[in-house]
C-alpha atoms as a PDB file:
ATOM      1  CA  MET A   1     135.135 121.337  97.831  1.00  0.00           C
ATOM      2  CA  ASN A   2     136.786 120.103 101.141  1.00  0.00           C
ATOM      3  CA  ASP A   3     133.242 119.272 103.605  1.00  0.00           C
ATOM      4  CA  PRO A   4     130.696 117.466 101.619  1.00  0.00           C
ATOM      5  CA  ILE A   5     128.531 116.154 104.367  1.00  0.00           C
ATOM      6  CA  GLY A   6     128.298 120.095 105.778  1.00  0.00           C
ATOM      7  CA  ASP A   7     127.411 121.282 102.109  1.00  0.00           C
ATOM      8  CA  MET A   8     123.959 119.182 102.234  1.00  0.00           C
ATOM      9  CA  LEU A   9     123.707 119.249 105.638  1.00  0.00           C
ATOM     10  CA  THR A  10     123.510 123.728 104.664  1.00  0.00           C
ATOM     11  CA  ARG A  11     121.887 122.897 101.992  1.00  0.00           C
ATOM     12  CA  ILE A  12     119.112 121.143 103.795  1.00  0.00           C
ATOM     13  CA  ARG A  13     118.953 123.740 106.465  1.00  0.00           C
ATOM     14  CA  ASN A  14     118.701 126.502 104.025  1.00  0.00           C
ATOM     15  CA  SER A  15     115.878 125.342 101.917  1.00  0.00           C
ATOM     16  CA  GLN A  16     113.935 124.232 104.970  1.00  0.00           C
ATOM     17  CA  MET A  17     114.171 127.830 106.137  1.00  0.00           C
ATOM     18  CA  ARG A  18     112.999 129.277 102.533  1.00  0.00           C
ATOM     19  CA  GLY A  19     110.202 126.193 102.198  1.00  0.00           C
ATOM     20  CA  LYS A  20     111.812 124.302  99.820  1.00  0.00           C
ATOM     21  CA  SER A  21     110.090 120.798  99.357  1.00  0.00           C
ATOM     22  CA  THR A  22     113.291 119.664  97.480  1.00  0.00           C
ATOM     23  CA  VAL A  23     116.667 120.006  97.781  1.00  0.00           C
ATOM     24  CA  SER A  24     119.287 118.746  95.076  1.00  0.00           C
ATOM     25  CA  THR A  25     122.703 117.676  95.796  1.00  0.00           C
ATOM     26  CA  PRO A  26     125.638 115.808  94.257  1.00  0.00           C
ATOM     27  CA  ALA A  27     125.548 112.280  94.987  1.00  0.00           C
ATOM     28  CA  SER A  28     128.162 110.279  96.756  1.00  0.00           C
ATOM     29  CA  LYS A  29     127.592 106.678  98.265  1.00  0.00           C
ATOM     30  CA  LEU A  30     128.624 108.727 101.734  1.00  0.00           C
ATOM     31  CA  ARG A  31     125.759 110.806 101.737  1.00  0.00           C
ATOM     32  CA  ALA A  32     123.032 109.321 100.256  1.00  0.00           C
ATOM     33  CA  TRP A  33     123.803 106.826 103.514  1.00  0.00           C
ATOM     34  CA  VAL A  34     123.784 109.500 105.231  1.00  0.00           C
ATOM     35  CA  LEU A  35     120.388 110.336 103.638  1.00  0.00           C
ATOM     36  CA  ASP A  36     119.088 106.723 104.396  1.00  0.00           C
ATOM     37  CA  VAL A  37     119.372 106.869 107.996  1.00  0.00           C
ATOM     38  CA  LEU A  38     117.731 110.690 108.241  1.00  0.00           C
ATOM     39  CA  ALA A  39     114.841 109.055 105.700  1.00  0.00           C
ATOM     40  CA  ASP A  40     114.896 106.090 108.344  1.00  0.00           C
ATOM     41  CA  GLU A  41     114.585 108.019 111.066  1.00  0.00           C
ATOM     42  CA  GLY A  42     111.317 110.042 109.969  1.00  0.00           C
ATOM     43  CA  TYR A  43     113.624 113.433 109.037  1.00  0.00           C
ATOM     44  CA  ILE A  44     113.157 113.519 105.711  1.00  0.00           C
ATOM     45  CA  ARG A  45     110.354 111.995 102.864  1.00  0.00           C
ATOM     46  CA  GLY A  46     113.059 110.509 100.974  1.00  0.00           C
ATOM     47  CA  TYR A  47     115.594 110.142  98.648  1.00  0.00           C
ATOM     48  CA  GLU A  48     115.723 110.454  94.595  1.00  0.00           C
ATOM     49  CA  LYS A  49     118.766 110.068  91.906  1.00  0.00           C
ATOM     50  CA  GLY A  50     119.438 111.639  89.030  1.00  0.00           C
ATOM     51  CA  THR A  51     121.301 114.281  86.700  1.00  0.00           C
ATOM     52  CA  ASP A  52     121.706 117.801  86.552  1.00  0.00           C
ATOM     53  CA  GLU A  53     121.849 119.613  83.080  1.00  0.00           C
ATOM     54  CA  ARG A  54     125.365 118.601  82.558  1.00  0.00           C
ATOM     55  CA  GLY A  55     125.096 115.404  84.004  1.00  0.00           C
ATOM     56  CA  HIS A  56     126.549 114.656  86.369  1.00  0.00           C
ATOM     57  CA  PRO A  57     124.907 112.561  88.906  1.00  0.00           C
ATOM     58  CA  THR A  58     122.769 113.921  91.672  1.00  0.00           C
ATOM     59  CA  LEU A  59     120.452 113.265  94.970  1.00  0.00           C
ATOM     60  CA  GLU A  60     117.203 115.312  94.768  1.00  0.00           C
ATOM     61  CA  ILE A  61     116.097 115.085  98.338  1.00  0.00           C
ATOM     62  CA  ALA A  62     112.281 115.687  99.163  1.00  0.00           C
ATOM     63  CA  LEU A  63     112.014 117.679 102.682  1.00  0.00           C
ATOM     64  CA  LYS A  64     109.490 116.610 105.300  1.00  0.00           C
ATOM     65  CA  TYR A  65     107.242 119.400 107.165  1.00  0.00           C
ATOM     66  CA  TYR A  66     104.900 119.555 109.982  1.00  0.00           C
ATOM     67  CA  GLU A  67     102.050 122.118 110.233  1.00  0.00           C
ATOM     68  CA  GLY A  68     103.890 124.412 108.102  1.00  0.00           C
ATOM     69  CA  THR A  69     107.503 123.625 110.043  1.00  0.00           C
ATOM     70  CA  PRO A  70     110.674 122.288 109.372  1.00  0.00           C
ATOM     71  CA  VAL A  71     111.078 118.335 110.872  1.00  0.00           C
ATOM     72  CA  ILE A  72     114.228 119.057 111.400  1.00  0.00           C
ATOM     73  CA  ARG A  73     114.837 121.607 114.195  1.00  0.00           C
ATOM     74  CA  GLU A  74     118.652 121.721 114.345  1.00  0.00           C
ATOM     75  CA  VAL A  75     121.662 120.215 112.161  1.00  0.00           C
ATOM     76  CA  LYS A  76     125.046 120.367 113.698  1.00  0.00           C
ATOM     77  CA  ARG A  77     128.029 118.427 112.013  1.00  0.00           C
ATOM     78  CA  VAL A  78     130.357 117.318 113.930  1.00  0.00           C
ATOM     79  CA  SER A  79     132.881 115.913 112.944  1.00  0.00           C
ATOM     80  CA  LYS A  80     134.668 118.281 110.661  1.00  0.00           C
ATOM     81  CA  PRO A  81     137.656 117.106 108.479  1.00  0.00           C
ATOM     82  CA  GLY A  82     140.122 119.753 110.333  1.00  0.00           C
ATOM     83  CA  ARG A  83     138.355 118.112 113.556  1.00  0.00           C
ATOM     84  CA  ARG A  84     137.822 113.917 113.147  1.00  0.00           C
ATOM     85  CA  VAL A  85     135.786 112.859 116.194  1.00  0.00           C
ATOM     86  CA  TYR A  86     135.567 109.358 117.315  1.00  0.00           C
ATOM     87  CA  MET A  87     133.498 107.913 119.922  1.00  0.00           C
ATOM     88  CA  GLY A  88     133.291 104.519 121.558  1.00  0.00           C
ATOM     89  CA  VAL A  89     130.010 103.173 122.048  1.00  0.00           C
ATOM     90  CA  SER A  90     130.390 104.279 125.667  1.00  0.00           C
ATOM     91  CA  ASP A  91     130.814 107.417 124.491  1.00  0.00           C
ATOM     92  CA  ILE A  92     127.832 108.141 121.490  1.00  0.00           C
ATOM     93  CA  PRO A  93     126.306 111.061 122.375  1.00  0.00           C
ATOM     94  CA  GLN A  94     122.481 111.244 123.424  1.00  0.00           C
ATOM     95  CA  VAL A  95     120.816 114.248 121.420  1.00  0.00           C
ATOM     96  CA  ARG A  96     118.504 116.061 123.212  1.00  0.00           C
ATOM     97  CA  GLN A  97     117.658 113.422 126.235  1.00  0.00           C
ATOM     98  CA  GLY A  98     117.528 110.574 122.843  1.00  0.00           C
ATOM     99  CA  LEU A  99     114.523 112.807 121.011  1.00  0.00           C
ATOM    100  CA  GLY A 100     117.031 113.691 118.679  1.00  0.00           C
ATOM    101  CA  VAL A 101     120.385 111.282 116.561  1.00  0.00           C
ATOM    102  CA  SER A 102     123.498 110.745 116.137  1.00  0.00           C
ATOM    103  CA  ILE A 103     124.994 109.860 112.829  1.00  0.00           C
ATOM    104  CA  VAL A 104     127.591 107.415 113.632  1.00  0.00           C
ATOM    105  CA  SER A 105     130.322 106.286 110.360  1.00  0.00           C
ATOM    106  CA  THR A 106     131.276 102.458 111.745  1.00  0.00           C
ATOM    107  CA  SER A 107     133.278  99.719 110.732  1.00  0.00           C
ATOM    108  CA  GLN A 108     129.779  98.212 109.549  1.00  0.00           C
ATOM    109  CA  GLY A 109     128.025 101.131 107.873  1.00  0.00           C
ATOM    110  CA  VAL A 110     126.600 103.979 108.631  1.00  0.00           C
ATOM    111  CA  MET A 111     123.206 103.907 111.582  1.00  0.00           C
ATOM    112  CA  SER A 112     122.077 105.689 114.400  1.00  0.00           C
ATOM    113  CA  ASP A 113     123.555 106.144 117.279  1.00  0.00           C
ATOM    114  CA  ALA A 114     120.427 103.989 118.787  1.00  0.00           C
ATOM    115  CA  LYS A 115     121.830 101.061 116.438  1.00  0.00           C
ATOM    116  CA  ALA A 116     125.150 101.446 116.916  1.00  0.00           C
ATOM    117  CA  ARG A 117     124.335 101.100 120.492  1.00  0.00           C
ATOM    118  CA  ALA A 118     122.432  97.633 119.921  1.00  0.00           C
ATOM    119  CA  ALA A 119     125.755  96.836 117.543  1.00  0.00           C
ATOM    120  CA  ASN A 120     127.892  97.774 120.320  1.00  0.00           C
ATOM    121  CA  ILE A 121     130.370  99.884 117.792  1.00  0.00           C
ATOM    122  CA  GLY A 122     131.912 102.690 117.893  1.00  0.00           C
ATOM    123  CA  GLY A 123     133.082 105.460 114.670  1.00  0.00           C
ATOM    124  CA  GLU A 124     133.328 108.760 113.593  1.00  0.00           C
ATOM    125  CA  VAL A 125     130.336 111.104 114.841  1.00  0.00           C
ATOM    126  CA  LEU A 126     129.096 112.875 111.294  1.00  0.00           C
ATOM    127  CA  CYS A 127     126.420 115.150 112.591  1.00  0.00           C
ATOM    128  CA  THR A 128     123.673 115.226 115.441  1.00  0.00           C
ATOM    129  CA  VAL A 129     120.060 116.221 113.784  1.00  0.00           C
ATOM    130  CA  PHE A 130     116.442 117.094 116.300  1.00  0.00           C
END
């Protein structure tokens, strides 16, 4: 698999379109860090570590709905394996005038765009969520 973050975001998008309550994805530290940001910002209920039937580590993501509609309306991958997108602190985009969130991988860890601006650091913009 070339793009594990893109794969996880696609799994979340597809599961929400089908109305599923949970979705499973292979585990990695970067995926867990991205899920931490999504949980802190209130886009998912949370996640748990587990294993699949072959014993491989997985992450079980609990999706969040409000009055029957998914909380995540739109999720886009910004930085891709073929084209990395790095931005300074002044260039980090605001998603929908601050209603959404950009997830940024910085030298101090994966964080939301607001936390990156508060810490005055830029980095690789992984994805945007609204």
